[in-house]
Amino acid sequence: MTAPKFTKQQFEFVADFFGPLVSSPSQIKQMADALVDTNITFDRQNFEDRATEAWEAKYADDIADGQRVLEDTEVRNEQNNLKSYG
């Protein structure tokens, strides 16, 4: 099957719209792999950056919450270790 010829505007739309829909930023690289043959001037790094920024904007609160949970867990573990040895 021949790949369609995409324009810069179409790449930007794909990055902005579909970037936040993937479950992880690693899938954005797979999207770029599929798009690379659609235009010889495809700027892979720009696409990946834009799609990743769109993904992070959607999941920023979840990422921050997850980081807080990890930090809280580390603090509790450290406190438990101190109690065990103290």
PDB file of N, CA and C in Angstrom:
ATOM      1  N   MET A   1       0.840  -1.170   0.000  1.00  0.00           N
ATOM      2  CA  MET A   1       0.000   0.000   0.000  1.00  0.00           C
ATOM      3  C   MET A   1       0.893   1.243   0.000  1.00  0.00           C
ATOM      4  N   THR A   2       0.551   2.204  -0.814  1.00  0.00           N
ATOM      5  CA  THR A   2       1.295   3.449  -0.895  1.00  0.00           C
ATOM      6  C   THR A   2       0.847   4.380   0.219  1.00  0.00           C
ATOM      7  N   ALA A   3       1.826   4.974   0.914  1.00  0.00           N
ATOM      8  CA  ALA A   3       1.516   5.902   1.999  1.00  0.00           C
ATOM      9  C   ALA A   3       0.988   7.209   1.421  1.00  0.00           C
ATOM     10  N   PRO A   4      -0.032   7.790   2.054  1.00  0.00           N
ATOM     11  CA  PRO A   4      -0.516   9.092   1.583  1.00  0.00           C
ATOM     12  C   PRO A   4       0.556  10.150   1.809  1.00  0.00           C
ATOM     13  N   LYS A   5       0.463  11.250   1.115  1.00  0.00           N
ATOM     14  CA  LYS A   5       1.412  12.349   1.277  1.00  0.00           C
ATOM     15  C   LYS A   5       0.811  13.361   2.246  1.00  0.00           C
ATOM     16  N   PHE A   6       1.406  13.482   3.429  1.00  0.00           N
ATOM     17  CA  PHE A   6       0.914  14.385   4.464  1.00  0.00           C
ATOM     18  C   PHE A   6       1.626  15.729   4.372  1.00  0.00           C
ATOM     19  N   THR A   7       0.921  16.754   4.829  1.00  0.00           N
ATOM     20  CA  THR A   7       1.493  18.093   4.909  1.00  0.00           C
ATOM     21  C   THR A   7       1.884  18.387   6.363  1.00  0.00           C
ATOM     22  N   LYS A   8       2.603  19.497   6.558  1.00  0.00           N
ATOM     23  CA  LYS A   8       2.988  19.907   7.904  1.00  0.00           C
ATOM     24  C   LYS A   8       1.745  20.112   8.771  1.00  0.00           C
ATOM     25  N   GLN A   9       0.704  20.712   8.230  1.00  0.00           N
ATOM     26  CA  GLN A   9      -0.526  20.931   8.985  1.00  0.00           C
ATOM     27  C   GLN A   9      -1.147  19.610   9.423  1.00  0.00           C
ATOM     28  N   GLN A  10      -1.087  18.614   8.576  1.00  0.00           N
ATOM     29  CA  GLN A  10      -1.643  17.313   8.932  1.00  0.00           C
ATOM     30  C   GLN A  10      -0.807  16.640  10.022  1.00  0.00           C
ATOM     31  N   PHE A  11       0.514  16.763   9.943  1.00  0.00           N
ATOM     32  CA  PHE A  11       1.368  16.214  11.006  1.00  0.00           C
ATOM     33  C   PHE A  11       1.059  16.892  12.339  1.00  0.00           C
ATOM     34  N   GLU A  12       0.884  18.213  12.298  1.00  0.00           N
ATOM     35  CA  GLU A  12       0.578  18.953  13.523  1.00  0.00           C
ATOM     36  C   GLU A  12      -0.759  18.511  14.103  1.00  0.00           C
ATOM     37  N   PHE A  13      -1.750  18.311  13.235  1.00  0.00           N
ATOM     38  CA  PHE A  13      -3.049  17.830  13.701  1.00  0.00           C
ATOM     39  C   PHE A  13      -2.920  16.459  14.343  1.00  0.00           C
ATOM     40  N   VAL A  14      -2.212  15.562  13.692  1.00  0.00           N
ATOM     41  CA  VAL A  14      -2.030  14.207  14.227  1.00  0.00           C
ATOM     42  C   VAL A  14      -1.340  14.275  15.590  1.00  0.00           C
ATOM     43  N   ALA A  15      -0.306  15.077  15.708  1.00  0.00           N
ATOM     44  CA  ALA A  15       0.423  15.207  16.975  1.00  0.00           C
ATOM     45  C   ALA A  15      -0.485  15.760  18.066  1.00  0.00           C
ATOM     46  N   ASP A  16      -1.211  16.830  17.747  1.00  0.00           N
ATOM     47  CA  ASP A  16      -2.054  17.485  18.746  1.00  0.00           C
ATOM     48  C   ASP A  16      -3.261  16.650  19.130  1.00  0.00           C
ATOM     49  N   PHE A  17      -3.869  15.980  18.165  1.00  0.00           N
ATOM     50  CA  PHE A  17      -5.095  15.229  18.427  1.00  0.00           C
ATOM     51  C   PHE A  17      -4.819  13.827  18.959  1.00  0.00           C
ATOM     52  N   PHE A  18      -3.918  13.113  18.313  1.00  0.00           N
ATOM     53  CA  PHE A  18      -3.688  11.719  18.684  1.00  0.00           C
ATOM     54  C   PHE A  18      -2.626  11.539  19.764  1.00  0.00           C
ATOM     55  N   GLY A  19      -1.730  12.516  19.912  1.00  0.00           N
ATOM     56  CA  GLY A  19      -0.713  12.426  20.965  1.00  0.00           C
ATOM     57  C   GLY A  19      -1.301  12.126  22.335  1.00  0.00           C
ATOM     58  N   PRO A  20      -2.333  12.873  22.772  1.00  0.00           N
ATOM     59  CA  PRO A  20      -2.914  12.616  24.085  1.00  0.00           C
ATOM     60  C   PRO A  20      -3.719  11.317  24.168  1.00  0.00           C
ATOM     61  N   LEU A  21      -4.009  10.713  23.047  1.00  0.00           N
ATOM     62  CA  LEU A  21      -4.839   9.498  23.060  1.00  0.00           C
ATOM     63  C   LEU A  21      -4.043   8.218  23.272  1.00  0.00           C
ATOM     64  N   VAL A  22      -2.728   8.280  23.086  1.00  0.00           N
ATOM     65  CA  VAL A  22      -1.921   7.072  23.284  1.00  0.00           C
ATOM     66  C   VAL A  22      -1.742   6.845  24.784  1.00  0.00           C
ATOM     67  N   SER A  23      -1.470   5.608  25.154  1.00  0.00           N
ATOM     68  CA  SER A  23      -1.363   5.290  26.577  1.00  0.00           C
ATOM     69  C   SER A  23      -0.009   5.660  27.166  1.00  0.00           C
ATOM     70  N   SER A  24       0.993   5.844  26.304  1.00  0.00           N
ATOM     71  CA  SER A  24       2.319   6.197  26.802  1.00  0.00           C
ATOM     72  C   SER A  24       3.094   6.913  25.703  1.00  0.00           C
ATOM     73  N   PRO A  25       4.005   7.815  26.088  1.00  0.00           N
ATOM     74  CA  PRO A  25       4.783   8.530  25.069  1.00  0.00           C
ATOM     75  C   PRO A  25       5.618   7.619  24.169  1.00  0.00           C
ATOM     76  N   SER A  26       5.933   6.423  24.641  1.00  0.00           N
ATOM     77  CA  SER A  26       6.715   5.518  23.788  1.00  0.00           C
ATOM     78  C   SER A  26       5.945   5.154  22.516  1.00  0.00           C
ATOM     79  N   GLN A  27       4.635   5.216  22.566  1.00  0.00           N
ATOM     80  CA  GLN A  27       3.838   4.917  21.375  1.00  0.00           C
ATOM     81  C   GLN A  27       3.921   6.028  20.339  1.00  0.00           C
ATOM     82  N   ILE A  28       4.320   7.212  20.771  1.00  0.00           N
ATOM     83  CA  ILE A  28       4.481   8.329  19.838  1.00  0.00           C
ATOM     84  C   ILE A  28       5.604   8.012  18.853  1.00  0.00           C
ATOM     85  N   LYS A  29       6.639   7.334  19.302  1.00  0.00           N
ATOM     86  CA  LYS A  29       7.721   6.921  18.397  1.00  0.00           C
ATOM     87  C   LYS A  29       7.184   5.959  17.337  1.00  0.00           C
ATOM     88  N   GLN A  30       6.267   5.089  17.727  1.00  0.00           N
ATOM     89  CA  GLN A  30       5.654   4.173  16.762  1.00  0.00           C
ATOM     90  C   GLN A  30       4.820   4.943  15.741  1.00  0.00           C
ATOM     91  N   MET A  31       4.131   5.988  16.214  1.00  0.00           N
ATOM     92  CA  MET A  31       3.369   6.822  15.288  1.00  0.00           C
ATOM     93  C   MET A  31       4.319   7.475  14.287  1.00  0.00           C
ATOM     94  N   ALA A  32       5.440   7.981  14.784  1.00  0.00           N
ATOM     95  CA  ALA A  32       6.423   8.622  13.905  1.00  0.00           C
ATOM     96  C   ALA A  32       6.974   7.615  12.892  1.00  0.00           C
ATOM     97  N   ASP A  33       7.194   6.379  13.326  1.00  0.00           N
ATOM     98  CA  ASP A  33       7.662   5.338  12.405  1.00  0.00           C
ATOM     99  C   ASP A  33       6.682   5.169  11.244  1.00  0.00           C
ATOM    100  N   ALA A  34       5.381   5.225  11.557  1.00  0.00           N
ATOM    101  CA  ALA A  34       4.361   5.043  10.523  1.00  0.00           C
ATOM    102  C   ALA A  34       4.258   6.270   9.608  1.00  0.00           C
ATOM    103  N   LEU A  35       4.583   7.438  10.146  1.00  0.00           N
ATOM    104  CA  LEU A  35       4.430   8.674   9.374  1.00  0.00           C
ATOM    105  C   LEU A  35       5.650   9.051   8.552  1.00  0.00           C
ATOM    106  N   VAL A  36       6.788   8.495   8.862  1.00  0.00           N
ATOM    107  CA  VAL A  36       8.038   8.922   8.223  1.00  0.00           C
ATOM    108  C   VAL A  36       8.002   8.791   6.692  1.00  0.00           C
ATOM    109  N   ASP A  37       7.267   7.836   6.192  1.00  0.00           N
ATOM    110  CA  ASP A  37       7.215   7.632   4.733  1.00  0.00           C
ATOM    111  C   ASP A  37       6.149   8.475   4.045  1.00  0.00           C
ATOM    112  N   THR A  38       5.439   9.322   4.802  1.00  0.00           N
ATOM    113  CA  THR A  38       4.369  10.109   4.195  1.00  0.00           C
ATOM    114  C   THR A  38       4.845  11.435   3.618  1.00  0.00           C
ATOM    115  N   ASN A  39       6.088  11.808   3.921  1.00  0.00           N
ATOM    116  CA  ASN A  39       6.625  13.059   3.378  1.00  0.00           C
ATOM    117  C   ASN A  39       8.131  13.061   3.610  1.00  0.00           C
ATOM    118  N   ILE A  40       8.901  13.322   2.582  1.00  0.00           N
ATOM    119  CA  ILE A  40      10.360  13.272   2.740  1.00  0.00           C
ATOM    120  C   ILE A  40      10.877  14.389   3.645  1.00  0.00           C
ATOM    121  N   THR A  41      10.072  15.422   3.863  1.00  0.00           N
ATOM    122  CA  THR A  41      10.497  16.510   4.741  1.00  0.00           C
ATOM    123  C   THR A  41       9.928  16.356   6.156  1.00  0.00           C
ATOM    124  N   PHE A  42       9.377  15.184   6.457  1.00  0.00           N
ATOM    125  CA  PHE A  42       8.814  14.927   7.794  1.00  0.00           C
ATOM    126  C   PHE A  42       9.888  15.167   8.847  1.00  0.00           C
ATOM    127  N   ASP A  43       9.574  16.049   9.794  1.00  0.00           N
ATOM    128  CA  ASP A  43      10.496  16.375  10.882  1.00  0.00           C
ATOM    129  C   ASP A  43      10.126  15.512  12.084  1.00  0.00           C
ATOM    130  N   ARG A  44      10.753  14.360  12.166  1.00  0.00           N
ATOM    131  CA  ARG A  44      10.422  13.370  13.188  1.00  0.00           C
ATOM    132  C   ARG A  44      10.555  13.945  14.596  1.00  0.00           C
ATOM    133  N   GLN A  45      11.659  14.621  14.867  1.00  0.00           N
ATOM    134  CA  GLN A  45      11.879  15.146  16.213  1.00  0.00           C
ATOM    135  C   GLN A  45      10.818  16.173  16.587  1.00  0.00           C
ATOM    136  N   ASN A  46      10.485  17.044  15.653  1.00  0.00           N
ATOM    137  CA  ASN A  46       9.456  18.045  15.904  1.00  0.00           C
ATOM    138  C   ASN A  46       8.111  17.372  16.182  1.00  0.00           C
ATOM    139  N   PHE A  47       7.774  16.364  15.397  1.00  0.00           N
ATOM    140  CA  PHE A  47       6.520  15.638  15.598  1.00  0.00           C
ATOM    141  C   PHE A  47       6.501  14.981  16.969  1.00  0.00           C
ATOM    142  N   GLU A  48       7.571  14.268  17.312  1.00  0.00           N
ATOM    143  CA  GLU A  48       7.617  13.572  18.598  1.00  0.00           C
ATOM    144  C   GLU A  48       7.538  14.563  19.755  1.00  0.00           C
ATOM    145  N   ASP A  49       8.238  15.680  19.639  1.00  0.00           N
ATOM    146  CA  ASP A  49       8.189  16.698  20.694  1.00  0.00           C
ATOM    147  C   ASP A  49       6.777  17.249  20.859  1.00  0.00           C
ATOM    148  N   ARG A  50       6.153  17.574  19.741  1.00  0.00           N
ATOM    149  CA  ARG A  50       4.805  18.167  19.798  1.00  0.00           C
ATOM    150  C   ARG A  50       3.789  17.170  20.354  1.00  0.00           C
ATOM    151  N   ALA A  51       3.832  15.940  19.892  1.00  0.00           N
ATOM    152  CA  ALA A  51       2.895  14.926  20.374  1.00  0.00           C
ATOM    153  C   ALA A  51       3.132  14.619  21.849  1.00  0.00           C
ATOM    154  N   THR A  52       4.388  14.586  22.266  1.00  0.00           N
ATOM    155  CA  THR A  52       4.711  14.331  23.669  1.00  0.00           C
ATOM    156  C   THR A  52       4.224  15.481  24.544  1.00  0.00           C
ATOM    157  N   GLU A  53       4.393  16.709  24.084  1.00  0.00           N
ATOM    158  CA  GLU A  53       3.885  17.860  24.835  1.00  0.00           C
ATOM    159  C   GLU A  53       2.361  17.779  24.980  1.00  0.00           C
ATOM    160  N   ALA A  54       1.679  17.369  23.936  1.00  0.00           N
ATOM    161  CA  ALA A  54       0.222  17.226  23.996  1.00  0.00           C
ATOM    162  C   ALA A  54      -0.162  16.121  24.981  1.00  0.00           C
ATOM    163  N   TRP A  55       0.599  15.024  24.972  1.00  0.00           N
ATOM    164  CA  TRP A  55       0.338  13.926  25.904  1.00  0.00           C
ATOM    165  C   TRP A  55       0.565  14.388  27.344  1.00  0.00           C
ATOM    166  N   GLU A  56       1.684  15.075  27.579  1.00  0.00           N
ATOM    167  CA  GLU A  56       2.006  15.544  28.931  1.00  0.00           C
ATOM    168  C   GLU A  56       0.983  16.554  29.433  1.00  0.00           C
ATOM    169  N   ALA A  57       0.468  17.406  28.543  1.00  0.00           N
ATOM    170  CA  ALA A  57      -0.538  18.388  28.955  1.00  0.00           C
ATOM    171  C   ALA A  57      -1.795  17.683  29.462  1.00  0.00           C
ATOM    172  N   LYS A  58      -2.148  16.585  28.826  1.00  0.00           N
ATOM    173  CA  LYS A  58      -3.345  15.846  29.249  1.00  0.00           C
ATOM    174  C   LYS A  58      -3.098  15.100  30.556  1.00  0.00           C
ATOM    175  N   TYR A  59      -1.922  14.543  30.731  1.00  0.00           N
ATOM    176  CA  TYR A  59      -1.662  13.666  31.869  1.00  0.00           C
ATOM    177  C   TYR A  59      -0.796  14.304  32.957  1.00  0.00           C
ATOM    178  N   ALA A  60      -0.564  15.609  32.890  1.00  0.00           N
ATOM    179  CA  ALA A  60       0.321  16.281  33.851  1.00  0.00           C
ATOM    180  C   ALA A  60      -0.135  16.067  35.291  1.00  0.00           C
ATOM    181  N   ASP A  61      -1.434  16.206  35.545  1.00  0.00           N
ATOM    182  CA  ASP A  61      -1.929  16.016  36.911  1.00  0.00           C
ATOM    183  C   ASP A  61      -1.730  14.580  37.378  1.00  0.00           C
ATOM    184  N   ASP A  62      -1.984  13.617  36.491  1.00  0.00           N
ATOM    185  CA  ASP A  62      -1.786  12.210  36.841  1.00  0.00           C
ATOM    186  C   ASP A  62      -0.317  11.917  37.127  1.00  0.00           C
ATOM    187  N   ILE A  63       0.562  12.511  36.331  1.00  0.00           N
ATOM    188  CA  ILE A  63       1.996  12.311  36.526  1.00  0.00           C
ATOM    189  C   ILE A  63       2.416  12.901  37.867  1.00  0.00           C
ATOM    190  N   ALA A  64       1.940  14.101  38.164  1.00  0.00           N
ATOM    191  CA  ALA A  64       2.275  14.752  39.439  1.00  0.00           C
ATOM    192  C   ALA A  64       1.727  13.943  40.613  1.00  0.00           C
ATOM    193  N   ASP A  65       0.503  13.438  40.485  1.00  0.00           N
ATOM    194  CA  ASP A  65      -0.080  12.618  41.553  1.00  0.00           C
ATOM    195  C   ASP A  65       0.738  11.347  41.761  1.00  0.00           C
ATOM    196  N   GLY A  66       1.147  10.723  40.686  1.00  0.00           N
ATOM    197  CA  GLY A  66       1.961   9.505  40.777  1.00  0.00           C
ATOM    198  C   GLY A  66       3.297   9.791  41.433  1.00  0.00           C
ATOM    199  N   GLN A  67       3.885  10.925  41.111  1.00  0.00           N
ATOM    200  CA  GLN A  67       5.164  11.303  41.720  1.00  0.00           C
ATOM    201  C   GLN A  67       4.989  11.519  43.217  1.00  0.00           C
ATOM    202  N   ARG A  68       3.885  12.172  43.610  1.00  0.00           N
ATOM    203  CA  ARG A  68       3.624  12.392  45.038  1.00  0.00           C
ATOM    204  C   ARG A  68       3.448  11.068  45.769  1.00  0.00           C
ATOM    205  N   VAL A  69       2.754  10.137  45.152  1.00  0.00           N
ATOM    206  CA  VAL A  69       2.557   8.819  45.768  1.00  0.00           C
ATOM    207  C   VAL A  69       3.898   8.129  45.966  1.00  0.00           C
ATOM    208  N   LEU A  70       4.764   8.186  44.948  1.00  0.00           N
ATOM    209  CA  LEU A  70       6.090   7.575  45.073  1.00  0.00           C
ATOM    210  C   LEU A  70       6.903   8.225  46.188  1.00  0.00           C
ATOM    211  N   GLU A  71       6.860   9.552  46.238  1.00  0.00           N
ATOM    212  CA  GLU A  71       7.608  10.263  47.280  1.00  0.00           C
ATOM    213  C   GLU A  71       7.073   9.918  48.674  1.00  0.00           C
ATOM    214  N   ASP A  72       5.747   9.874  48.815  1.00  0.00           N
ATOM    215  CA  ASP A  72       5.141   9.521  50.105  1.00  0.00           C
ATOM    216  C   ASP A  72       5.526   8.100  50.519  1.00  0.00           C
ATOM    217  N   THR A  73       5.548   7.201  49.556  1.00  0.00           N
ATOM    218  CA  THR A  73       5.923   5.815  49.835  1.00  0.00           C
ATOM    219  C   THR A  73       7.381   5.733  50.272  1.00  0.00           C
ATOM    220  N   GLU A  74       8.245   6.478  49.599  1.00  0.00           N
ATOM    221  CA  GLU A  74       9.666   6.488  49.977  1.00  0.00           C
ATOM    222  C   GLU A  74       9.858   7.034  51.386  1.00  0.00           C
ATOM    223  N   VAL A  75       9.129   8.071  51.734  1.00  0.00           N
ATOM    224  CA  VAL A  75       9.231   8.651  53.075  1.00  0.00           C
ATOM    225  C   VAL A  75       8.757   7.636  54.118  1.00  0.00           C
ATOM    226  N   ARG A  76       7.621   6.989  53.863  1.00  0.00           N
ATOM    227  CA  ARG A  76       7.107   5.972  54.816  1.00  0.00           C
ATOM    228  C   ARG A  76       8.087   4.821  54.969  1.00  0.00           C
ATOM    229  N   ASN A  77       8.658   4.374  53.867  1.00  0.00           N
ATOM    230  CA  ASN A  77       9.628   3.281  53.943  1.00  0.00           C
ATOM    231  C   ASN A  77      10.855   3.689  54.747  1.00  0.00           C
ATOM    232  N   GLU A  78      11.306   4.911  54.537  1.00  0.00           N
ATOM    233  CA  GLU A  78      12.462   5.404  55.282  1.00  0.00           C
ATOM    234  C   GLU A  78      12.132   5.511  56.772  1.00  0.00           C
ATOM    235  N   GLN A  79      10.959   5.995  57.085  1.00  0.00           N
ATOM    236  CA  GLN A  79      10.538   6.096  58.490  1.00  0.00           C
ATOM    237  C   GLN A  79      10.440   4.711  59.127  1.00  0.00           C
ATOM    238  N   ASN A  80       9.895   3.752  58.394  1.00  0.00           N
ATOM    239  CA  ASN A  80       9.791   2.383  58.912  1.00  0.00           C
ATOM    240  C   ASN A  80      11.173   1.764  59.139  1.00  0.00           C
ATOM    241  N   ASN A  81      12.100   2.056  58.223  1.00  0.00           N
ATOM    242  CA  ASN A  81      13.461   1.540  58.382  1.00  0.00           C
ATOM    243  C   ASN A  81      14.113   2.141  59.625  1.00  0.00           C
ATOM    244  N   LEU A  82      13.909   3.435  59.851  1.00  0.00           N
ATOM    245  CA  LEU A  82      14.475   4.081  61.034  1.00  0.00           C
ATOM    246  C   LEU A  82      13.894   3.502  62.316  1.00  0.00           C
ATOM    247  N   LYS A  83      12.598   3.203  62.313  1.00  0.00           N
ATOM    248  CA  LYS A  83      11.965   2.603  63.486  1.00  0.00           C
ATOM    249  C   LYS A  83      12.514   1.203  63.735  1.00  0.00           C
ATOM    250  N   SER A  84      12.764   0.468  62.676  1.00  0.00           N
ATOM    251  CA  SER A  84      13.265  -0.899  62.801  1.00  0.00           C
ATOM    252  C   SER A  84      14.655  -0.937  63.415  1.00  0.00           C
ATOM    253  N   TYR A  85      15.467   0.055  63.063  1.00  0.00           N
ATOM    254  CA  TYR A  85      16.843   0.092  63.542  1.00  0.00           C
ATOM    255  C   TYR A  85      17.021   0.948  64.792  1.00  0.00           C
ATOM    256  N   GLY A  86      16.001   1.727  65.127  1.00  0.00           N
ATOM    257  CA  GLY A  86      16.132   2.687  66.199  1.00  0.00           C
ATOM    258  C   GLY A  86      15.633   2.177  67.483  1.00  0.00           C
TER     259      GLY A  86
END
